[in-house]
Amino acid sequence: MSAPLHLDAIVAAVRMSTASSADLKIRPRSFSITDEPEDYRVPLPFAKQRYKGLSWYRASAAILDGVPGIQFWTKKWDREHEDYLSRDGARTVTLTNAALREYKVPLMTISASEAIFYAVGNRRKLYNSLRRIRGRSIGKKGSQGYGRVREVEVTELPGDWQQFDSDWRTEDGMPARVLPVEWWLDQGGKPLPTRRAPIMPPYWRILDRHTQEVVG
């Protein structure tokens, strides 16, 4: 896994795939891939943390108690289709570049029997979203069978939710999700390497106006 797998990203993907037009916080016009994600963000069942004009959901990334490893995904020319080329008069197939290029790409994996997330929010609404991912995949290369979800369980924990910190800090004192650097240091977190990344889903955004200096 090359980036943290955040619970709010999973729920946002489910909500976007099932939301009606009345649920979507969007402008009344057609959309393109260049639209601002804020234009069609759906409400998620999490409490928000706010800090100096910033806000993010109180939902951790996945905690995986598993064994890291490396596998490979490949793309190869299927020689059963050679007759299609012969019909077009092609004599050779280029496999080192262009559309038919063959690949053998390393994929970092973790073999884990479960993924644990922590969050502060509405348990019933959260479960109603997460139950839809049973039998589906989360994370990268789901079409190749990685990240398949067998079961979902949402458990309420005792205690004062205002004092709860497992959504943003792990037991060993590391960030449990991406967090603004300044906020992390204000909470007593130790200095860590930083990078620029979004603090709200979708996390694939890379433009400066969508990202902050973060840890985690």
Protein backbone atom coordinates (compact mmCIF):
# COMPACT_ATOMS: atom_id res chain seq x y z
CA MET A 1 0.00 0.00 0.00
CA SER A 2 1.56 3.28 -1.11
CA ALA A 3 -0.75 5.60 0.84
CA PRO A 4 -2.95 5.35 3.97
CA LEU A 5 -6.37 3.82 3.38
CA HIS A 6 -8.73 6.25 5.10
CA LEU A 7 -12.15 5.27 6.41
CA ASP A 8 -13.74 8.54 5.30
CA ALA A 9 -12.50 7.89 1.74
CA ILE A 10 -14.19 4.47 1.70
CA VAL A 11 -17.46 5.86 3.01
CA ALA A 12 -17.32 8.83 0.62
CA ALA A 13 -16.92 6.45 -2.34
CA VAL A 14 -19.93 4.42 -1.19
CA ARG A 15 -22.04 7.53 -0.61
CA MET A 16 -21.16 8.98 -4.02
CA SER A 17 -22.13 5.72 -5.73
CA THR A 18 -25.51 5.50 -4.00
CA ALA A 19 -26.51 9.15 -3.46
CA SER A 20 -29.50 10.70 -5.17
CA SER A 21 -29.32 14.13 -6.74
CA ALA A 22 -31.05 15.54 -3.65
CA ASP A 23 -28.24 14.16 -1.44
CA LEU A 24 -25.44 15.70 -3.45
CA LYS A 25 -24.20 19.12 -2.46
CA ILE A 26 -23.71 20.23 -6.07
CA ARG A 27 -24.34 23.11 -8.38
CA PRO A 28 -27.23 22.58 -10.85
CA ARG A 29 -25.14 21.99 -13.97
CA SER A 30 -23.31 19.20 -15.80
CA PHE A 31 -19.93 18.03 -14.55
CA SER A 32 -16.53 17.23 -15.98
CA ILE A 33 -13.36 15.76 -14.53
CA THR A 34 -12.04 19.27 -13.92
CA ASP A 35 -14.81 20.19 -11.45
CA GLU A 36 -13.90 21.05 -7.89
CA PRO A 37 -14.53 18.03 -5.59
CA GLU A 38 -16.16 20.47 -3.13
CA ASP A 39 -18.95 20.99 -5.68
CA TYR A 40 -20.28 17.47 -5.23
CA ARG A 41 -19.18 16.42 -1.77
CA VAL A 42 -21.70 14.30 0.10
CA PRO A 43 -22.27 14.51 3.86
CA LEU A 44 -20.49 11.76 5.81
CA PRO A 45 -21.49 10.31 9.21
CA PHE A 46 -18.42 11.57 11.05
CA ALA A 47 -17.72 14.38 13.48
CA LYS A 48 -15.36 17.06 12.18
CA GLN A 49 -12.19 18.42 13.72
CA ARG A 50 -11.70 22.13 13.03
CA TYR A 51 -8.53 24.15 13.32
CA LYS A 52 -7.67 27.64 12.04
CA GLY A 53 -10.05 27.53 9.10
CA LEU A 54 -9.31 23.88 8.27
CA SER A 55 -11.54 20.88 8.91
CA TRP A 56 -11.25 17.12 8.51
CA TYR A 57 -13.24 14.08 9.52
CA ARG A 58 -12.57 12.25 12.76
CA ALA A 59 -11.89 8.94 11.05
CA SER A 60 -8.60 7.05 11.03
CA ALA A 61 -6.74 5.25 8.32
CA ALA A 62 -6.62 1.44 8.35
CA ILE A 63 -4.66 -0.33 11.06
CA LEU A 64 -3.40 -3.56 9.50
CA ASP A 65 -1.86 -6.22 11.74
CA GLY A 66 -0.30 -8.20 8.95
CA VAL A 67 2.87 -9.18 7.13
CA PRO A 68 4.24 -6.77 4.51
CA GLY A 69 5.22 -8.33 1.22
CA ILE A 70 5.70 -7.70 -2.45
CA GLN A 71 3.88 -9.21 -5.39
CA PHE A 72 3.75 -8.32 -9.07
CA TRP A 73 0.98 -7.47 -11.46
CA THR A 74 1.60 -8.26 -15.08
CA LYS A 75 0.16 -7.38 -18.44
CA LYS A 76 0.97 -9.71 -21.33
CA TRP A 77 -0.06 -10.04 -24.94
CA ASP A 78 -2.60 -12.83 -25.33
CA ARG A 79 -1.37 -14.84 -28.29
CA GLU A 80 -4.85 -16.23 -28.81
CA HIS A 81 -5.60 -12.88 -30.48
CA GLU A 82 -2.85 -13.07 -33.11
CA ASP A 83 -5.42 -13.80 -35.81
CA TYR A 84 -6.84 -10.30 -35.34
CA LEU A 85 -3.48 -8.82 -36.34
CA SER A 86 -3.09 -11.12 -39.32
CA ARG A 87 -6.37 -9.81 -40.68
CA ASP A 88 -4.93 -6.30 -40.68
CA GLY A 89 -1.71 -7.39 -42.36
CA ALA A 90 0.51 -6.84 -39.30
CA ARG A 91 3.72 -8.88 -39.29
CA THR A 92 4.98 -8.18 -35.78
CA VAL A 93 3.67 -7.18 -32.36
CA THR A 94 5.61 -4.54 -30.40
CA LEU A 95 5.64 -5.52 -26.74
CA THR A 96 8.18 -2.99 -25.42
CA ASN A 97 6.09 0.16 -25.84
CA ALA A 98 2.76 1.58 -27.07
CA ALA A 99 -0.66 0.03 -26.41
CA LEU A 100 0.47 -3.62 -26.30
CA ARG A 101 3.44 -3.06 -23.99
CA GLU A 102 4.00 -5.85 -21.48
CA TYR A 103 4.40 -4.99 -17.79
CA LYS A 104 5.72 -6.59 -14.64
CA VAL A 105 5.15 -4.00 -11.90
CA PRO A 106 5.90 -4.51 -8.16
CA LEU A 107 2.95 -4.13 -5.82
CA MET A 108 3.52 -3.62 -2.09
CA THR A 109 1.01 -5.66 -0.11
CA ILE A 110 0.07 -6.54 3.46
CA SER A 111 -1.44 -9.94 4.21
CA ALA A 112 -3.94 -9.14 6.96
CA SER A 113 -7.06 -10.91 8.16
CA GLU A 114 -8.71 -7.65 9.23
CA ALA A 115 -8.47 -3.88 8.91
CA ILE A 116 -9.37 -1.81 11.97
CA PHE A 117 -10.53 1.81 11.80
CA TYR A 118 -11.47 4.25 14.57
CA ALA A 119 -13.92 7.10 14.18
CA VAL A 120 -16.25 9.50 15.97
CA GLY A 121 -19.67 9.73 14.38
CA ASN A 122 -23.08 8.19 13.83
CA ARG A 123 -22.77 4.41 14.23
CA ARG A 124 -26.02 3.51 12.45
CA LYS A 125 -25.37 5.68 9.40
CA LEU A 126 -21.79 4.47 9.22
CA TYR A 127 -22.85 0.82 9.22
CA ASN A 128 -25.50 1.47 6.57
CA SER A 129 -22.74 2.71 4.27
CA LEU A 130 -20.10 0.12 5.12
CA ARG A 131 -22.40 -2.88 4.75
CA ARG A 132 -22.44 -2.14 1.01
CA ILE A 133 -18.76 -3.06 0.64
CA ARG A 134 -19.21 -6.71 1.67
CA GLY A 135 -17.90 -8.86 -1.14
CA ARG A 136 -16.25 -5.86 -2.78
CA SER A 137 -12.66 -4.65 -2.66
CA ILE A 138 -11.01 -1.63 -1.08
CA GLY A 139 -7.58 -0.26 -1.89
CA LYS A 140 -5.56 -0.85 -5.03
CA LYS A 141 -5.94 -3.62 -7.61
CA GLY A 142 -9.38 -4.70 -6.47
CA SER A 143 -10.10 -6.09 -9.94
CA GLN A 144 -7.26 -8.57 -9.37
CA GLY A 145 -8.76 -9.76 -6.08
CA TYR A 146 -6.81 -7.63 -3.60
CA GLY A 147 -8.55 -6.02 -0.62
CA ARG A 148 -11.67 -8.18 -0.73
CA VAL A 149 -14.04 -7.49 2.21
CA ARG A 150 -15.62 -10.58 3.78
CA GLU A 151 -17.49 -8.95 6.66
CA VAL A 152 -18.09 -5.57 8.28
CA GLU A 153 -18.53 -4.92 11.99
CA VAL A 154 -19.15 -1.51 13.60
CA THR A 155 -18.70 -1.52 17.38
CA GLU A 156 -19.45 1.31 19.80
CA LEU A 157 -16.70 1.98 22.33
CA PRO A 158 -17.32 3.24 25.89
CA GLY A 159 -16.00 6.56 27.14
CA ASP A 160 -16.20 10.28 26.42
CA TRP A 161 -16.02 10.89 22.68
CA GLN A 162 -14.54 14.35 23.28
CA GLN A 163 -11.55 12.72 24.98
CA PHE A 164 -11.28 9.96 22.40
CA ASP A 165 -8.07 10.16 20.36
CA SER A 166 -7.73 6.82 18.52
CA ASP A 167 -9.14 8.43 15.37
CA TRP A 168 -6.00 10.55 15.03
CA ARG A 169 -3.28 8.98 17.20
CA THR A 170 -2.11 5.36 17.36
CA GLU A 171 -1.13 3.53 20.53
CA ASP A 172 2.56 4.16 19.81
CA GLY A 173 1.98 7.91 19.43
CA MET A 174 2.05 8.13 15.63
CA PRO A 175 -0.56 9.84 13.40
CA ALA A 176 -3.54 7.55 12.72
CA ARG A 177 -4.43 9.55 9.58
CA VAL A 178 -3.15 12.52 7.60
CA LEU A 179 -3.15 15.59 9.84
CA PRO A 180 -2.08 19.22 9.44
CA VAL A 181 1.46 19.58 10.77
CA GLU A 182 0.70 22.60 12.96
CA TRP A 183 -2.29 20.90 14.62
CA TRP A 184 -0.28 17.72 15.22
CA LEU A 185 2.49 19.65 16.95
CA ASP A 186 -0.08 21.61 19.01
CA GLN A 187 -1.38 18.28 20.34
CA GLY A 188 2.09 17.33 21.55
CA GLY A 189 2.98 15.14 18.60
CA LYS A 190 6.66 14.66 17.90
CA PRO A 191 8.22 16.23 14.77
CA LEU A 192 7.89 13.89 11.79
CA PRO A 193 8.63 14.00 8.05
CA THR A 194 5.99 16.02 6.19
CA ARG A 195 4.44 16.05 2.74
CA ARG A 196 1.63 17.82 0.93
CA ALA A 197 -1.69 15.97 0.77
CA PRO A 198 -5.44 16.57 1.14
CA ILE A 199 -6.96 16.24 4.62
CA MET A 200 -10.46 15.44 3.29
CA PRO A 201 -11.58 12.97 0.63
CA PRO A 202 -11.01 12.54 -2.21
CA TYR A 203 -7.36 11.98 -1.36
CA TRP A 204 -6.12 11.72 -4.96
CA ARG A 205 -6.07 15.51 -5.36
CA ILE A 206 -2.60 16.98 -5.84
CA LEU A 207 -3.10 20.68 -6.61
CA ASP A 208 -1.83 23.13 -3.99
CA ARG A 209 -5.31 24.57 -3.36
CA HIS A 210 -6.50 21.10 -2.27
CA THR A 211 -3.52 20.11 -0.13
CA GLN A 212 -1.88 20.99 3.16
CA GLU A 213 1.46 20.27 4.79
CA VAL A 214 0.68 17.07 6.67
CA VAL A 215 2.08 14.24 8.73
CA GLY A 216 0.82 10.68 8.49
